[in-house]
Amino acid sequence: YDMFPMVFGFAVNIKTTAGHNPAG
């Protein structure tokens, strides 16, 4: 961790084959 001069936030997108939100 100390070797990185800059640290950023990130986003995770999870793509499923559910077809609609309740199943996902």
PDB file of all heavy atoms in Angstrom:
ATOM      1  N   TYR A   1       0.822  -1.214   0.000  1.00  0.00           N
ATOM      2  CA  TYR A   1       0.000   0.000   0.000  1.00  0.00           C
ATOM      3  C   TYR A   1       0.856   1.263   0.000  1.00  0.00           C
ATOM      4  O   TYR A   1       0.533   2.245  -0.670  1.00  0.00           O
ATOM      5  CB  TYR A   1      -0.938  -0.024   1.210  1.00  0.00           C
ATOM      6  CG  TYR A   1      -1.928   1.119   1.232  1.00  0.00           C
ATOM      7  CD1 TYR A   1      -3.101   1.050   0.493  1.00  0.00           C
ATOM      8  CD2 TYR A   1      -1.693   2.250   2.000  1.00  0.00           C
ATOM      9  CE1 TYR A   1      -4.021   2.085   0.497  1.00  0.00           C
ATOM     10  CE2 TYR A   1      -2.603   3.297   2.022  1.00  0.00           C
ATOM     11  CZ  TYR A   1      -3.756   3.208   1.271  1.00  0.00           C
ATOM     12  OH  TYR A   1      -4.668   4.249   1.275  1.00  0.00           O
ATOM     13  N   ASP A   2       1.966   1.252   0.739  1.00  0.00           N
ATOM     14  CA  ASP A   2       2.818   2.438   0.839  1.00  0.00           C
ATOM     15  C   ASP A   2       3.613   2.701  -0.433  1.00  0.00           C
ATOM     16  O   ASP A   2       4.204   3.785  -0.573  1.00  0.00           O
ATOM     17  CB  ASP A   2       3.781   2.284   2.014  1.00  0.00           C
ATOM     18  CG  ASP A   2       3.052   2.231   3.348  1.00  0.00           C
ATOM     19  OD1 ASP A   2       1.928   2.769   3.408  1.00  0.00           O
ATOM     20  OD2 ASP A   2       3.587   1.639   4.300  1.00  0.00           O
ATOM     21  N   MET A   3       3.640   1.777  -1.348  1.00  0.00           N
ATOM     22  CA  MET A   3       4.390   1.956  -2.582  1.00  0.00           C
ATOM     23  C   MET A   3       3.619   2.746  -3.634  1.00  0.00           C
ATOM     24  O   MET A   3       4.205   3.149  -4.650  1.00  0.00           O
ATOM     25  CB  MET A   3       4.787   0.594  -3.166  1.00  0.00           C
ATOM     26  CG  MET A   3       5.665  -0.239  -2.256  1.00  0.00           C
ATOM     27  SD  MET A   3       5.977  -1.897  -2.894  1.00  0.00           S
ATOM     28  CE  MET A   3       6.801  -1.519  -4.443  1.00  0.00           C
ATOM     29  N   PHE A   4       2.323   2.976  -3.407  1.00  0.00           N
ATOM     30  CA  PHE A   4       1.505   3.686  -4.379  1.00  0.00           C
ATOM     31  C   PHE A   4       1.438   5.166  -4.004  1.00  0.00           C
ATOM     32  O   PHE A   4       0.976   5.510  -2.903  1.00  0.00           O
ATOM     33  CB  PHE A   4       0.096   3.099  -4.424  1.00  0.00           C
ATOM     34  CG  PHE A   4       0.031   1.744  -5.061  1.00  0.00           C
ATOM     35  CD1 PHE A   4       0.256   0.603  -4.310  1.00  0.00           C
ATOM     36  CD2 PHE A   4      -0.236   1.609  -6.403  1.00  0.00           C
ATOM     37  CE1 PHE A   4       0.209  -0.654  -4.890  1.00  0.00           C
ATOM     38  CE2 PHE A   4      -0.292   0.371  -7.003  1.00  0.00           C
ATOM     39  CZ  PHE A   4      -0.064  -0.768  -6.243  1.00  0.00           C
ATOM     40  N   PRO A   5       1.875   6.056  -4.872  1.00  0.00           N
ATOM     41  CA  PRO A   5       1.834   7.488  -4.539  1.00  0.00           C
ATOM     42  C   PRO A   5       0.423   8.044  -4.497  1.00  0.00           C
ATOM     43  O   PRO A   5       0.166   9.014  -3.786  1.00  0.00           O
ATOM     44  CB  PRO A   5       2.647   8.130  -5.664  1.00  0.00           C
ATOM     45  CG  PRO A   5       2.548   7.178  -6.801  1.00  0.00           C
ATOM     46  CD  PRO A   5       2.479   5.808  -6.185  1.00  0.00           C
ATOM     47  N   MET A   6      -0.512   7.449  -5.238  1.00  0.00           N
ATOM     48  CA  MET A   6      -1.891   7.921  -5.285  1.00  0.00           C
ATOM     49  C   MET A   6      -2.814   6.715  -5.184  1.00  0.00           C
ATOM     50  O   MET A   6      -2.546   5.662  -5.765  1.00  0.00           O
ATOM     51  CB  MET A   6      -2.176   8.689  -6.582  1.00  0.00           C
ATOM     52  CG  MET A   6      -1.246   9.854  -6.835  1.00  0.00           C
ATOM     53  SD  MET A   6      -1.649  10.752  -8.336  1.00  0.00           S
ATOM     54  CE  MET A   6      -3.179  11.536  -7.819  1.00  0.00           C
ATOM     55  N   VAL A   7      -3.893   6.883  -4.423  1.00  0.00           N
ATOM     56  CA  VAL A   7      -4.886   5.827  -4.238  1.00  0.00           C
ATOM     57  C   VAL A   7      -6.248   6.382  -4.638  1.00  0.00           C
ATOM     58  O   VAL A   7      -6.606   7.502  -4.249  1.00  0.00           O
ATOM     59  CB  VAL A   7      -4.920   5.322  -2.780  1.00  0.00           C
ATOM     60  CG1 VAL A   7      -5.950   4.216  -2.626  1.00  0.00           C
ATOM     61  CG2 VAL A   7      -3.547   4.822  -2.367  1.00  0.00           C
ATOM     62  N   PHE A   8      -6.994   5.621  -5.387  1.00  0.00           N
ATOM     63  CA  PHE A   8      -8.263   6.089  -5.934  1.00  0.00           C
ATOM     64  C   PHE A   8      -9.403   5.194  -5.457  1.00  0.00           C
ATOM     65  O   PHE A   8      -9.205   4.045  -5.045  1.00  0.00           O
ATOM     66  CB  PHE A   8      -8.235   6.074  -7.469  1.00  0.00           C
ATOM     67  CG  PHE A   8      -7.069   6.798  -8.065  1.00  0.00           C
ATOM     68  CD1 PHE A   8      -5.912   6.111  -8.421  1.00  0.00           C
ATOM     69  CD2 PHE A   8      -7.108   8.166  -8.267  1.00  0.00           C
ATOM     70  CE1 PHE A   8      -4.838   6.764  -8.977  1.00  0.00           C
ATOM     71  CE2 PHE A   8      -6.036   8.835  -8.817  1.00  0.00           C
ATOM     72  CZ  PHE A   8      -4.899   8.141  -9.168  1.00  0.00           C
ATOM     73  N   GLY A   9     -10.614   5.736  -5.531  1.00  0.00           N
ATOM     74  CA  GLY A   9     -11.799   4.919  -5.352  1.00  0.00           C
ATOM     75  C   GLY A   9     -12.085   4.115  -6.613  1.00  0.00           C
ATOM     76  O   GLY A   9     -11.542   4.388  -7.684  1.00  0.00           O
ATOM     77  N   PHE A  10     -12.946   3.134  -6.488  1.00  0.00           N
ATOM     78  CA  PHE A  10     -13.223   2.262  -7.618  1.00  0.00           C
ATOM     79  C   PHE A  10     -14.692   1.853  -7.611  1.00  0.00           C
ATOM     80  O   PHE A  10     -15.399   2.006  -6.600  1.00  0.00           O
ATOM     81  CB  PHE A  10     -12.330   1.017  -7.589  1.00  0.00           C
ATOM     82  CG  PHE A  10     -12.567   0.119  -6.403  1.00  0.00           C
ATOM     83  CD1 PHE A  10     -13.339  -1.027  -6.524  1.00  0.00           C
ATOM     84  CD2 PHE A  10     -12.005   0.415  -5.174  1.00  0.00           C
ATOM     85  CE1 PHE A  10     -13.555  -1.855  -5.435  1.00  0.00           C
ATOM     86  CE2 PHE A  10     -12.212  -0.407  -4.072  1.00  0.00           C
ATOM     87  CZ  PHE A  10     -12.998  -1.537  -4.207  1.00  0.00           C
ATOM     88  N   ALA A  11     -15.148   1.353  -8.732  1.00  0.00           N
ATOM     89  CA  ALA A  11     -16.518   0.891  -8.893  1.00  0.00           C
ATOM     90  C   ALA A  11     -16.501  -0.524  -9.445  1.00  0.00           C
ATOM     91  O   ALA A  11     -15.640  -0.871 -10.270  1.00  0.00           O
ATOM     92  CB  ALA A  11     -17.312   1.817  -9.812  1.00  0.00           C
ATOM     93  N   VAL A  12     -17.449  -1.323  -8.996  1.00  0.00           N
ATOM     94  CA  VAL A  12     -17.560  -2.718  -9.414  1.00  0.00           C
ATOM     95  C   VAL A  12     -18.936  -2.912 -10.047  1.00  0.00           C
ATOM     96  O   VAL A  12     -19.957  -2.686  -9.393  1.00  0.00           O
ATOM     97  CB  VAL A  12     -17.377  -3.683  -8.227  1.00  0.00           C
ATOM     98  CG1 VAL A  12     -17.501  -5.130  -8.687  1.00  0.00           C
ATOM     99  CG2 VAL A  12     -16.038  -3.447  -7.548  1.00  0.00           C
ATOM    100  N   ASN A  13     -18.955  -3.299 -11.300  1.00  0.00           N
ATOM    101  CA  ASN A  13     -20.204  -3.582 -12.011  1.00  0.00           C
ATOM    102  C   ASN A  13     -20.342  -5.086 -12.168  1.00  0.00           C
ATOM    103  O   ASN A  13     -19.468  -5.742 -12.748  1.00  0.00           O
ATOM    104  CB  ASN A  13     -20.223  -2.894 -13.379  1.00  0.00           C
ATOM    105  CG  ASN A  13     -21.479  -3.203 -14.167  1.00  0.00           C
ATOM    106  OD1 ASN A  13     -21.485  -4.073 -15.032  1.00  0.00           O
ATOM    107  ND2 ASN A  13     -22.563  -2.511 -13.871  1.00  0.00           N
ATOM    108  N   ILE A  14     -21.446  -5.622 -11.655  1.00  0.00           N
ATOM    109  CA  ILE A  14     -21.706  -7.059 -11.702  1.00  0.00           C
ATOM    110  C   ILE A  14     -22.821  -7.292 -12.717  1.00  0.00           C
ATOM    111  O   ILE A  14     -23.964  -6.898 -12.483  1.00  0.00           O
ATOM    112  CB  ILE A  14     -22.093  -7.604 -10.316  1.00  0.00           C
ATOM    113  CG1 ILE A  14     -21.016  -7.258  -9.291  1.00  0.00           C
ATOM    114  CG2 ILE A  14     -22.308  -9.112 -10.369  1.00  0.00           C
ATOM    115  CD1 ILE A  14     -21.376  -7.647  -7.873  1.00  0.00           C
ATOM    116  N   LYS A  15     -22.490  -7.929 -13.816  1.00  0.00           N
ATOM    117  CA  LYS A  15     -23.458  -8.216 -14.868  1.00  0.00           C
ATOM    118  C   LYS A  15     -23.923  -9.657 -14.748  1.00  0.00           C
ATOM    119  O   LYS A  15     -23.116 -10.582 -14.746  1.00  0.00           O
ATOM    120  CB  LYS A  15     -22.836  -7.979 -16.245  1.00  0.00           C
ATOM    121  CG  LYS A  15     -23.808  -8.225 -17.392  1.00  0.00           C
ATOM    122  CD  LYS A  15     -23.148  -8.017 -18.736  1.00  0.00           C
ATOM    123  CE  LYS A  15     -24.119  -8.308 -19.872  1.00  0.00           C
ATOM    124  NZ  LYS A  15     -23.466  -8.138 -21.203  1.00  0.00           N
ATOM    125  N   THR A  16     -25.238  -9.838 -14.631  1.00  0.00           N
ATOM    126  CA  THR A  16     -25.820 -11.164 -14.508  1.00  0.00           C
ATOM    127  C   THR A  16     -26.741 -11.440 -15.694  1.00  0.00           C
ATOM    128  O   THR A  16     -27.081 -10.543 -16.463  1.00  0.00           O
ATOM    129  CB  THR A  16     -26.616 -11.289 -13.199  1.00  0.00           C
ATOM    130  OG1 THR A  16     -27.785 -10.445 -13.267  1.00  0.00           O
ATOM    131  CG2 THR A  16     -25.782 -10.862 -12.005  1.00  0.00           C
ATOM    132  N   THR A  17     -27.154 -12.675 -15.811  1.00  0.00           N
ATOM    133  CA  THR A  17     -28.091 -13.084 -16.860  1.00  0.00           C
ATOM    134  C   THR A  17     -29.505 -13.218 -16.311  1.00  0.00           C
ATOM    135  O   THR A  17     -30.319 -13.943 -16.891  1.00  0.00           O
ATOM    136  CB  THR A  17     -27.643 -14.424 -17.462  1.00  0.00           C
ATOM    137  OG1 THR A  17     -27.619 -15.430 -16.430  1.00  0.00           O
ATOM    138  CG2 THR A  17     -26.262 -14.310 -18.078  1.00  0.00           C
ATOM    139  N   ALA A  18     -29.800 -12.509 -15.211  1.00  0.00           N
ATOM    140  CA  ALA A  18     -31.104 -12.674 -14.563  1.00  0.00           C
ATOM    141  C   ALA A  18     -32.239 -12.143 -15.431  1.00  0.00           C
ATOM    142  O   ALA A  18     -33.309 -12.736 -15.497  1.00  0.00           O
ATOM    143  CB  ALA A  18     -31.102 -11.973 -13.206  1.00  0.00           C
ATOM    144  N   GLY A  19     -32.057 -10.996 -16.062  1.00  0.00           N
ATOM    145  CA  GLY A  19     -33.104 -10.417 -16.899  1.00  0.00           C
ATOM    146  C   GLY A  19     -33.950  -9.383 -16.189  1.00  0.00           C
ATOM    147  O   GLY A  19     -34.528  -8.514 -16.835  1.00  0.00           O
ATOM    148  N   HIS A  20     -34.055  -9.446 -14.865  1.00  0.00           N
ATOM    149  CA  HIS A  20     -34.773  -8.430 -14.104  1.00  0.00           C
ATOM    150  C   HIS A  20     -34.177  -8.382 -12.698  1.00  0.00           C
ATOM    151  O   HIS A  20     -33.500  -9.310 -12.252  1.00  0.00           O
ATOM    152  CB  HIS A  20     -36.284  -8.699 -14.058  1.00  0.00           C
ATOM    153  CG  HIS A  20     -36.649 -10.012 -13.446  1.00  0.00           C
ATOM    154  ND1 HIS A  20     -36.268 -11.214 -14.000  1.00  0.00           N
ATOM    155  CD2 HIS A  20     -37.365 -10.320 -12.327  1.00  0.00           C
ATOM    156  CE1 HIS A  20     -36.738 -12.212 -13.255  1.00  0.00           C
ATOM    157  NE2 HIS A  20     -37.391 -11.695 -12.232  1.00  0.00           N
ATOM    158  N   ASN A  21     -34.448  -7.264 -12.002  1.00  0.00           N
ATOM    159  CA  ASN A  21     -33.779  -7.006 -10.726  1.00  0.00           C
ATOM    160  C   ASN A  21     -34.089  -8.017  -9.625  1.00  0.00           C
ATOM    161  O   ASN A  21     -33.186  -8.380  -8.870  1.00  0.00           O
ATOM    162  CB  ASN A  21     -34.114  -5.591 -10.241  1.00  0.00           C
ATOM    163  CG  ASN A  21     -33.374  -4.533 -11.036  1.00  0.00           C
ATOM    164  OD1 ASN A  21     -32.419  -4.820 -11.740  1.00  0.00           O
ATOM    165  ND2 ASN A  21     -33.829  -3.291 -10.943  1.00  0.00           N
ATOM    166  N   PRO A  22     -35.342  -8.467  -9.435  1.00  0.00           N
ATOM    167  CA  PRO A  22     -35.573  -9.439  -8.348  1.00  0.00           C
ATOM    168  C   PRO A  22     -34.738 -10.703  -8.473  1.00  0.00           C
ATOM    169  O   PRO A  22     -34.190 -11.199  -7.481  1.00  0.00           O
ATOM    170  CB  PRO A  22     -37.080  -9.729  -8.474  1.00  0.00           C
ATOM    171  CG  PRO A  22     -37.651  -8.503  -9.085  1.00  0.00           C
ATOM    172  CD  PRO A  22     -36.606  -8.013 -10.039  1.00  0.00           C
ATOM    173  N   ALA A  23     -34.614 -11.238  -9.682  1.00  0.00           N
ATOM    174  CA  ALA A  23     -33.794 -12.432  -9.856  1.00  0.00           C
ATOM    175  C   ALA A  23     -32.315 -12.124  -9.641  1.00  0.00           C
ATOM    176  O   ALA A  23     -31.569 -12.948  -9.098  1.00  0.00           O
ATOM    177  CB  ALA A  23     -34.015 -13.019 -11.246  1.00  0.00           C
ATOM    178  N   GLY A  24     -31.873 -10.928 -10.045  1.00  0.00           N
ATOM    179  CA  GLY A  24     -30.489 -10.550  -9.796  1.00  0.00           C
ATOM    180  C   GLY A  24     -30.194 -10.384  -8.318  1.00  0.00           C
ATOM    181  O   GLY A  24     -29.120 -10.786  -7.841  1.00  0.00           O
TER     182      GLY A  24
END
